[in-house]
Amino acid sequence: MYRYAAWRWSPALRVGGCTAFTCAMLSLGIVCAAEAGINVWTRIGDPQFTSLAIAPGEPSALYASTSTSDDALVYKSIDRGSTWDQILDVGNPGAVIAASSSIPNSVYVVVAPYGAGSEQTDVHLLRSIDGGATWDLPDAGLHRDSNTVAAIVALVIDPFTPGTLYAETDLGVFKSTDQASTWNALNTGLLSDSETLVYQIVIDPVTSTTLYAGYIDHTELINGLPKNGVLRSTDGGATWGAADTGLPFSAFPLLAIDPGMHDTLYVGTNVVTFGVDPGEFETKVGVFKSTDAGATWSSGYGIGLPADSRLNALVVDPHMSTTLYAALYPGGVFQSEDGGTNWRPLNTGQKFTGATNLTIDPLGPTTIYASTGGGIFSMQQVAGCAGDCSGFGAVAINDLITLVNIALGTAEPAVCAGGGLPVGGEVDVAVIIEAVNNALSGCSG
């Protein structure tokens, strides 16, 4: 049913991050190797990568998956994305990956239902406790009374009790306390047991029995649209209550929690404004903040985000809690350094129209990964010496010419990949003047 693969390819001579052989063989499934660009987005791995999981319990380990209409592959990198091994051929579409933060080599893969006439007709999980070398099927499917879970949107692992997992499904929330061997439904307080899609759960970083969930209730319609909202549980998901007082009606509110001040939460969402005619509405990206664990929410955030985009992800930097990132389509990646009030694009070297998810490297928080329709991209943010495009610690005449061309739009920011651009990649007169001073006096000042 599941096909394992054990091959590895490492680059020798690189051309723009890949060897010529790599680029010629991409159509055969060989994975292109690349490293995180300095203040520039760089694709890592296969252009068909759709999801990424970082395993904090495994130093330098990343997991990624591809998914087509009839198959999904899972890959692993043990060098932070420079090279990749294919470790699993699911033989079925749809692979969502979750890796444990404190149990080394523990990883889970969500597999979509099989087609008619096949053995598996429901969504199910694969589990590996040896870093993907072998896999087992701990539970053949998640069930609730006579209903069967048809979709697992995501898995969340308790950082303090790594044997505890939460599954966000089309039938509400399920919980396992034995590494996915058995599951229990946790839906007391949800508006409808069988019609509530829980699409996100975030866990309090201090008290892991406190959970927040984003949901869609298809039984309650407002001008023809299903109700969306935020729920809170303080007993490990056993019961849930509303936590969205002050939030406007919106589509898919996305949650992020401040790891330093755990009562501070953010919601990024697409605020809905209804028109005069029935069924007529518009959406606008908005960001809201709560400093009392979701009891109340305030507006005034999200300045600079493109209003007509769709917000797909919101994350808080685990080491600098005033820094947030947002993934939008279209629009790409945006960054806020003042707690979500003001935002600017972080799209230097961007080769993608928009981003669908974001992951911050917990071991190297200056590195951020963006999932896109064209693969996984990474950026290492470094406050370097302005104008030092080569990364050698000095600014040359050619570097200054490059900056001017970037400012004029006749050169791409990616040509200055040595750390010579400010984070975000914008080149203006102030950056060029700073670079000239660095050329005259040296990068050390």
Protein backbone atom coordinates (compact mmCIF):
# COMPACT_ATOMS: atom_id res chain seq x y z
CA MET A 1 0.00 0.00 0.00
CA TYR A 2 2.80 2.42 0.92
CA ARG A 3 6.04 2.51 -1.03
CA TYR A 4 9.27 3.44 0.66
CA ALA A 5 12.16 5.06 -1.13
CA ALA A 6 15.80 5.22 -0.08
CA TRP A 7 17.92 7.32 -2.37
CA ARG A 8 20.08 10.35 -1.80
CA TRP A 9 21.68 12.85 -4.11
CA SER A 10 24.16 15.55 -3.06
CA PRO A 11 25.32 18.35 -5.33
CA ALA A 12 28.91 18.76 -6.40
CA LEU A 13 29.11 21.65 -8.86
CA ARG A 14 26.35 24.20 -8.24
CA VAL A 15 24.89 26.59 -10.78
CA GLY A 16 22.76 29.21 -9.04
CA GLY A 17 22.16 26.94 -6.04
CA CYS A 18 21.80 23.72 -8.09
CA THR A 19 24.08 21.70 -10.23
CA ALA A 20 23.53 21.69 -13.97
CA PHE A 21 22.69 18.00 -13.62
CA THR A 22 20.08 18.82 -11.00
CA CYS A 23 18.33 21.41 -13.09
CA ALA A 24 18.31 19.09 -16.09
CA MET A 25 16.83 16.25 -14.05
CA LEU A 26 14.07 18.09 -12.19
CA SER A 27 11.45 16.54 -14.45
CA LEU A 28 12.60 13.11 -13.26
CA GLY A 29 12.00 13.98 -9.63
CA ILE A 30 15.56 14.72 -8.58
CA VAL A 31 15.47 17.33 -5.84
CA CYS A 32 17.25 20.62 -6.45
CA ALA A 33 19.41 21.58 -3.50
CA ALA A 34 19.72 25.16 -2.27
CA GLU A 35 20.56 27.03 0.90
CA ALA A 36 18.73 29.89 2.59
CA GLY A 37 19.49 33.17 0.85
CA ILE A 38 20.76 36.11 2.89
CA ASN A 39 17.82 38.56 2.92
CA VAL A 40 16.66 36.96 -0.35
CA TRP A 41 14.08 34.22 -0.91
CA THR A 42 15.65 31.02 -2.24
CA ARG A 43 13.76 27.88 -3.22
CA ILE A 44 14.74 24.76 -1.30
CA GLY A 45 14.09 21.31 -2.69
CA ASP A 46 11.54 20.28 -5.28
CA PRO A 47 9.40 23.01 -6.91
CA GLN A 48 6.39 20.79 -6.15
CA PHE A 49 6.92 20.87 -2.36
CA THR A 50 3.65 22.00 -0.79
CA SER A 51 4.08 21.58 2.98
CA LEU A 52 6.97 21.77 5.43
CA ALA A 53 7.54 20.61 9.00
CA ILE A 54 10.53 21.37 11.20
CA ALA A 55 11.58 18.82 13.81
CA PRO A 56 13.12 20.69 16.77
CA GLY A 57 13.90 17.35 18.37
CA GLU A 58 16.12 16.48 15.39
CA PRO A 59 18.86 19.06 14.83
CA SER A 60 18.94 20.24 11.21
CA ALA A 61 15.98 18.02 10.16
CA LEU A 62 13.22 19.20 7.83
CA TYR A 63 10.32 17.25 6.34
CA ALA A 64 8.47 18.24 3.18
CA SER A 65 5.78 16.75 0.97
CA THR A 66 4.52 16.99 -2.57
CA SER A 67 0.97 16.26 -3.61
CA THR A 68 -0.64 15.68 -6.98
CA SER A 69 -4.12 14.56 -7.94
CA ASP A 70 -3.23 10.91 -7.36
CA ASP A 71 -0.04 10.69 -5.31
CA ALA A 72 1.99 12.29 -2.53
CA LEU A 73 5.67 11.98 -1.67
CA VAL A 74 7.41 12.77 1.60
CA TYR A 75 11.02 13.96 1.77
CA LYS A 76 13.50 14.55 4.58
CA SER A 77 16.55 16.77 4.83
CA ILE A 78 19.12 16.42 7.59
CA ASP A 79 21.08 19.52 6.58
CA ARG A 80 18.37 22.20 6.82
CA GLY A 81 17.29 21.86 3.21
CA SER A 82 20.58 21.62 1.31
CA THR A 83 19.89 18.02 0.25
CA TRP A 84 16.77 15.85 0.45
CA ASP A 85 15.91 12.14 0.68
CA GLN A 86 12.58 10.75 -0.51
CA ILE A 87 11.44 8.65 2.45
CA LEU A 88 7.85 7.75 1.58
CA ASP A 89 5.58 7.35 -1.43
CA VAL A 90 2.08 7.60 0.01
CA GLY A 91 0.44 6.41 -3.19
CA ASN A 92 -2.48 8.72 -2.53
CA PRO A 93 -3.06 12.48 -2.70
CA GLY A 94 -2.69 14.88 0.18
CA ALA A 95 0.12 14.71 2.74
CA VAL A 96 0.15 16.98 5.79
CA ILE A 97 3.15 16.60 8.05
CA ALA A 98 3.66 17.22 11.77
CA ALA A 99 6.92 16.61 13.64
CA SER A 100 7.33 16.36 17.41
CA SER A 101 9.16 19.16 19.16
CA SER A 102 10.68 16.99 21.87
CA ILE A 103 10.57 13.35 20.72
CA PRO A 104 13.43 12.89 18.23
CA ASN A 105 12.54 11.12 14.98
CA SER A 106 8.80 11.24 15.68
CA VAL A 107 6.81 12.38 12.64
CA TYR A 108 3.21 12.03 11.42
CA VAL A 109 1.72 12.18 7.93
CA VAL A 110 -1.97 12.72 7.13
CA VAL A 111 -3.17 10.73 4.13
CA ALA A 112 -6.32 11.65 2.21
CA PRO A 113 -9.01 9.05 1.49
CA TYR A 114 -8.46 6.48 -1.21
CA GLY A 115 -10.70 6.25 -4.25
CA ALA A 116 -13.60 3.91 -4.80
CA GLY A 117 -12.78 0.22 -4.58
CA SER A 118 -9.61 0.71 -2.51
CA GLU A 119 -8.94 -0.58 0.99
CA GLN A 120 -8.87 2.83 2.68
CA THR A 121 -11.92 5.04 2.21
CA ASP A 122 -11.33 7.47 5.09
CA VAL A 123 -8.62 9.87 6.07
CA HIS A 124 -5.94 8.28 8.22
CA LEU A 125 -2.51 8.78 9.73
CA LEU A 126 0.90 7.29 9.21
CA ARG A 127 3.39 7.44 12.05
CA SER A 128 7.14 7.03 12.18
CA ILE A 129 9.26 6.91 15.32
CA ASP A 130 12.56 6.47 13.52
CA GLY A 131 12.72 9.61 11.40
CA GLY A 132 10.86 8.14 8.44
CA ALA A 133 12.81 4.91 8.03
CA THR A 134 9.67 2.87 8.77
CA TRP A 135 5.98 3.73 9.12
CA ASP A 136 2.96 2.23 10.80
CA LEU A 137 -0.78 2.89 10.74
CA PRO A 138 -1.61 3.61 14.39
CA ASP A 139 -5.29 4.27 13.76
CA ALA A 140 -7.10 3.28 10.57
CA GLY A 141 -9.39 6.30 10.74
CA LEU A 142 -11.06 8.84 12.97
CA HIS A 143 -14.73 8.18 13.62
CA ARG A 144 -17.55 9.84 15.48
CA ASP A 145 -20.72 7.83 16.04
CA SER A 146 -21.76 6.80 12.52
CA ASN A 147 -19.73 9.57 10.88
CA THR A 148 -16.21 9.24 9.55
CA VAL A 149 -13.72 12.08 9.40
CA ALA A 150 -13.26 13.03 5.76
CA ALA A 151 -10.57 15.68 6.25
CA ILE A 152 -7.80 16.41 8.75
CA VAL A 153 -6.82 20.01 8.17
CA ALA A 154 -3.79 19.91 10.46
CA LEU A 155 -2.17 18.20 13.42
CA VAL A 156 -0.92 20.02 16.49
CA ILE A 157 1.46 18.42 19.00
CA ASP A 158 1.53 19.48 22.66
CA PRO A 159 5.05 20.88 23.24
CA PHE A 160 5.07 19.83 26.91
CA THR A 161 3.36 16.45 26.53
CA PRO A 162 4.59 15.24 23.13
CA GLY A 163 2.45 12.11 23.20
CA THR A 164 -0.61 14.36 23.06
CA LEU A 165 -1.89 15.40 19.63
CA TYR A 166 -4.87 17.39 18.43
CA ALA A 167 -6.44 16.80 15.01
CA GLU A 168 -8.36 19.62 13.36
CA THR A 169 -11.06 17.96 11.27
CA ASP A 170 -14.34 18.40 9.46
CA LEU A 171 -16.05 16.82 12.48
CA GLY A 172 -14.50 19.10 15.08
CA VAL A 173 -11.53 18.45 17.36
CA PHE A 174 -10.05 15.06 18.18
CA LYS A 175 -7.39 14.37 20.81
CA SER A 176 -4.89 11.56 21.30
CA THR A 177 -2.76 11.04 24.39
CA ASP A 178 -0.86 7.98 23.10
CA GLN A 179 0.93 9.27 20.00
CA ALA A 180 -2.08 8.83 17.70
CA SER A 181 -2.88 5.22 18.63
CA THR A 182 -6.38 6.15 19.84
CA TRP A 183 -8.52 9.27 19.52
CA ASN A 184 -11.38 10.93 21.41
CA ALA A 185 -13.73 13.61 20.09
CA LEU A 186 -13.61 16.89 22.02
CA ASN A 187 -16.55 18.99 20.95
CA THR A 188 -18.47 20.10 24.02
CA GLY A 189 -19.28 23.74 23.38
CA LEU A 190 -18.83 23.63 19.62
CA LEU A 191 -21.87 25.05 17.86
CA SER A 192 -22.57 21.84 15.97
CA ASP A 193 -20.80 18.55 16.40
CA SER A 194 -21.09 17.40 12.80
CA GLU A 195 -21.12 20.70 10.89
CA THR A 196 -18.22 22.56 12.51
CA LEU A 197 -14.90 22.62 10.67
CA VAL A 198 -12.02 23.41 13.03
CA TYR A 199 -9.17 24.51 10.79
CA GLN A 200 -6.62 25.79 13.31
CA ILE A 201 -5.58 25.15 16.89
CA VAL A 202 -2.91 27.05 18.79
CA ILE A 203 -1.60 25.94 22.17
CA ASP A 204 -0.74 28.31 25.00
CA PRO A 205 3.09 28.24 25.27
CA VAL A 206 2.96 28.36 29.08
CA THR A 207 -0.19 26.39 29.97
CA SER A 208 -0.67 23.75 27.30
CA THR A 209 -4.16 22.82 28.53
CA THR A 210 -5.29 26.21 27.21
CA LEU A 211 -6.16 26.03 23.52
CA TYR A 212 -7.57 28.42 20.95
CA ALA A 213 -9.35 27.32 17.78
CA GLY A 214 -10.56 28.91 14.58
CA TYR A 215 -13.78 27.37 13.25
CA ILE A 216 -16.48 27.55 10.60
CA ASP A 217 -20.05 26.65 11.52
CA HIS A 218 -22.06 25.69 8.45
CA THR A 219 -25.36 25.55 10.34
CA GLU A 220 -25.40 29.27 11.12
CA LEU A 221 -25.50 31.47 8.04
CA ILE A 222 -25.15 35.24 8.00
CA ASN A 223 -26.33 36.71 4.71
CA GLY A 224 -25.65 33.33 3.14
CA LEU A 225 -22.12 32.93 4.56
CA PRO A 226 -21.25 30.45 7.35
CA LYS A 227 -20.31 31.87 10.73
CA ASN A 228 -16.58 32.00 11.50
CA GLY A 229 -15.11 32.58 14.91
CA VAL A 230 -12.61 31.84 17.67
CA LEU A 231 -13.05 29.38 20.54
CA ARG A 232 -11.07 28.88 23.76
CA SER A 233 -10.62 25.86 25.98
CA THR A 234 -8.89 25.83 29.39
CA ASP A 235 -9.19 22.09 30.02
CA GLY A 236 -7.23 20.53 27.19
CA GLY A 237 -10.10 20.69 24.72
CA ALA A 238 -12.74 18.96 26.84
CA THR A 239 -15.01 22.03 26.67
CA TRP A 240 -15.02 25.12 24.49
CA GLY A 241 -16.37 28.65 24.78
CA ALA A 242 -16.51 31.68 22.53
CA ALA A 243 -13.45 33.95 22.48
CA ASP A 244 -14.30 36.41 19.72
CA THR A 245 -15.98 39.36 21.45
CA GLY A 246 -15.09 42.46 19.48
CA LEU A 247 -14.14 40.67 16.28
CA PRO A 248 -16.10 41.65 13.15
CA PHE A 249 -17.71 39.08 10.90
CA SER A 250 -14.89 37.67 8.83
CA ALA A 251 -13.71 34.69 6.82
CA PHE A 252 -11.15 32.26 8.22
CA PRO A 253 -9.74 34.11 11.23
CA LEU A 254 -6.15 32.93 11.72
CA LEU A 255 -4.64 32.83 15.20
CA ALA A 256 -1.14 33.53 16.48
CA ILE A 257 -0.06 33.64 20.12
CA ASP A 258 2.76 35.68 21.64
CA PRO A 259 5.29 33.20 23.10
CA GLY A 260 6.60 35.80 25.55
CA MET A 261 3.23 37.11 26.78
CA HIS A 262 0.88 34.18 26.49
CA ASP A 263 -2.28 36.22 27.14
CA THR A 264 -1.56 38.21 23.98
CA LEU A 265 -3.09 36.82 20.79
CA TYR A 266 -3.44 38.06 17.24
CA VAL A 267 -6.10 37.30 14.68
CA GLY A 268 -5.43 37.93 11.03
CA THR A 269 -8.52 37.65 8.94
CA ASN A 270 -10.47 38.73 5.90
CA VAL A 271 -13.13 41.10 7.22
CA VAL A 272 -16.45 40.79 5.38
CA THR A 273 -18.47 43.84 4.38
CA PHE A 274 -21.91 43.04 2.98
CA GLY A 275 -23.36 44.92 0.04
CA VAL A 276 -26.89 46.18 -0.48
CA ASP A 277 -28.03 43.20 -2.54
CA PRO A 278 -28.39 39.74 -0.95
CA GLY A 279 -25.27 37.65 -1.34
CA GLU A 280 -23.12 40.67 -2.23
CA PHE A 281 -20.03 41.18 -0.10
CA GLU A 282 -16.38 42.30 -0.12
CA THR A 283 -13.44 41.21 2.02
CA LYS A 284 -10.53 43.22 3.37
CA VAL A 285 -7.46 41.96 5.23
CA GLY A 286 -7.42 42.98 8.89
CA VAL A 287 -5.38 42.24 12.02
CA PHE A 288 -6.79 42.32 15.55
CA LYS A 289 -5.11 41.93 18.95
CA SER A 290 -6.17 40.66 22.35
CA THR A 291 -4.18 41.17 25.55
CA ASP A 292 -6.61 39.28 27.81
CA ALA A 293 -6.52 35.74 26.39
CA GLY A 294 -9.26 36.36 23.85
CA ALA A 295 -11.82 37.96 26.16
CA THR A 296 -11.78 41.18 24.10
CA TRP A 297 -10.19 42.27 20.82
CA SER A 298 -9.01 45.62 19.52
CA SER A 299 -8.49 46.93 15.99
CA GLY A 300 -6.03 49.40 14.48
CA TYR A 301 -3.47 46.84 13.34
CA GLY A 302 -2.46 45.58 9.90
CA ILE A 303 -1.49 48.96 8.40
CA GLY A 304 0.36 48.37 5.13
CA LEU A 305 -1.09 44.94 4.32
CA PRO A 306 -2.70 44.77 0.86
CA ALA A 307 -6.42 45.03 1.54
CA ASP A 308 -7.56 43.01 -1.46
CA SER A 309 -5.37 39.96 -0.76
CA ARG A 310 -6.30 36.78 1.08
CA LEU A 311 -4.53 36.19 4.38
CA ASN A 312 -3.31 32.59 4.63
CA ALA A 313 -1.03 32.52 7.70
CA LEU A 314 0.05 34.64 10.65
CA VAL A 315 3.03 33.79 12.88
CA VAL A 316 4.92 35.44 15.74
CA ASP A 317 8.72 35.28 15.98
CA PRO A 318 9.44 32.99 18.98
CA HIS A 319 12.50 35.04 19.99
CA MET A 320 11.24 38.55 19.22
CA SER A 321 7.56 38.67 20.04
CA THR A 322 7.02 42.15 18.57
CA THR A 323 7.93 40.72 15.15
CA LEU A 324 5.14 39.07 13.16
CA TYR A 325 4.92 37.64 9.65
CA ALA A 326 1.92 37.27 7.36
CA ALA A 327 1.47 35.12 4.26
CA LEU A 328 -0.86 36.56 1.62
CA TYR A 329 -2.12 35.61 -1.82
CA PRO A 330 -1.46 37.59 -3.84
CA GLY A 331 1.19 39.66 -2.14
CA GLY A 332 3.72 37.22 -0.71
CA VAL A 333 5.23 37.70 2.75
CA PHE A 334 4.92 40.77 4.98
CA GLN A 335 6.67 41.63 8.24
CA SER A 336 5.72 43.77 11.25
CA GLU A 337 8.28 44.80 13.85
CA ASP A 338 5.94 46.76 16.13
CA GLY A 339 3.52 44.12 17.33
CA GLY A 340 1.34 43.96 14.25
CA THR A 341 0.52 47.64 13.76
CA ASN A 342 2.60 48.48 10.68
CA TRP A 343 3.67 46.07 7.94
CA ARG A 344 6.09 46.06 5.00
CA PRO A 345 6.72 43.54 2.22
CA LEU A 346 9.49 40.99 2.71
CA ASN A 347 9.73 39.87 -0.89
CA THR A 348 13.32 40.32 -2.05
CA GLY A 349 14.05 37.72 -4.70
CA GLN A 350 10.45 36.56 -4.63
CA LYS A 351 9.65 34.09 -7.39
CA PHE A 352 6.13 33.36 -6.19
CA THR A 353 2.83 35.19 -6.54
CA GLY A 354 1.71 34.55 -3.01
CA ALA A 355 2.41 32.46 0.08
CA THR A 356 0.15 29.86 1.68
CA ASN A 357 1.99 29.14 4.94
CA LEU A 358 4.96 30.31 7.02
CA THR A 359 7.33 28.48 9.34
CA ILE A 360 10.02 30.06 11.53
CA ASP A 361 13.07 27.94 12.25
CA PRO A 362 13.05 27.46 16.06
CA LEU A 363 16.80 26.76 16.11
CA GLY A 364 17.68 29.70 13.88
CA PRO A 365 14.88 32.26 14.19
CA THR A 366 16.45 34.53 11.57
CA THR A 367 15.43 31.90 8.98
CA ILE A 368 11.85 31.81 7.78
CA TYR A 369 10.26 29.36 5.33
CA ALA A 370 7.37 30.21 3.00
CA SER A 371 5.16 27.57 1.40
CA THR A 372 3.94 28.69 -2.02
CA GLY A 373 2.33 27.31 -5.14
CA GLY A 374 5.82 26.95 -6.59
CA GLY A 375 7.59 25.14 -3.76
CA ILE A 376 9.17 26.03 -0.40
CA PHE A 377 11.32 29.16 -0.16
CA SER A 378 13.62 30.21 2.67
CA MET A 379 15.20 33.49 3.72
CA GLN A 380 17.85 34.12 6.33
CA GLN A 381 17.46 37.64 7.66
CA VAL A 382 20.79 39.25 8.47
CA ALA A 383 21.47 42.88 9.33
CA GLY A 384 24.63 43.09 7.22
CA CYS A 385 26.81 45.84 5.82
CA ALA A 386 24.80 47.94 3.37
CA GLY A 387 26.21 47.50 -0.12
CA ASP A 388 28.28 44.39 0.60
CA CYS A 389 26.64 42.31 -2.09
CA SER A 390 29.49 39.77 -2.20
CA GLY A 391 29.44 39.10 1.55
CA PHE A 392 33.20 39.69 1.83
CA GLY A 393 32.98 42.50 4.37
CA ALA A 394 33.69 45.35 1.94
CA VAL A 395 31.75 47.49 -0.54
CA ALA A 396 33.19 47.74 -4.06
CA ILE A 397 32.31 50.06 -6.94
CA ASN A 398 30.43 47.24 -8.66
CA ASP A 399 28.33 46.83 -5.51
CA LEU A 400 27.32 50.50 -5.62
CA ILE A 401 26.37 50.19 -9.28
CA THR A 402 24.28 47.14 -8.40
CA LEU A 403 22.41 49.05 -5.68
CA VAL A 404 21.62 51.89 -8.07
CA ASN A 405 20.31 49.43 -10.64
CA ILE A 406 18.13 47.75 -8.01
CA ALA A 407 16.76 51.14 -6.97
CA LEU A 408 15.99 51.97 -10.61
CA GLY A 409 14.34 48.61 -11.17
CA THR A 410 16.84 47.48 -13.82
CA ALA A 411 18.28 44.73 -11.59
CA GLU A 412 16.70 42.17 -9.31
CA PRO A 413 17.48 42.30 -5.54
CA ALA A 414 18.66 38.68 -5.80
CA VAL A 415 21.90 39.87 -7.47
CA CYS A 416 22.92 41.36 -4.12
CA ALA A 417 22.62 38.18 -2.09
CA GLY A 418 25.59 38.54 0.27
CA GLY A 419 23.75 40.47 2.96
CA GLY A 420 24.22 43.92 1.41
CA LEU A 421 20.51 44.77 1.35
CA PRO A 422 18.38 45.76 4.32
CA VAL A 423 15.93 43.14 5.51
CA GLY A 424 13.02 43.53 3.14
CA GLY A 425 15.27 44.41 0.20
CA GLU A 426 14.13 47.98 -0.41
CA VAL A 427 16.88 50.18 -1.87
CA ASP A 428 16.43 53.94 -1.59
CA VAL A 429 18.67 57.00 -1.41
CA ALA A 430 19.42 56.43 2.28
CA VAL A 431 20.64 52.87 1.61
CA ILE A 432 22.86 54.03 -1.26
CA ILE A 433 24.38 56.82 0.89
CA GLU A 434 25.07 54.33 3.66
CA ALA A 435 26.69 51.99 1.15
CA VAL A 436 28.91 54.83 -0.18
CA ASN A 437 30.05 55.60 3.37
CA ASN A 438 30.80 51.91 3.89
CA ALA A 439 32.84 51.89 0.68
CA LEU A 440 34.87 54.86 1.94
CA SER A 441 35.34 53.87 5.57
CA GLY A 442 34.86 50.10 5.55
CA CYS A 443 32.03 47.94 6.85
CA SER A 444 33.28 48.10 10.41
CA GLY A 445 32.64 51.85 10.39
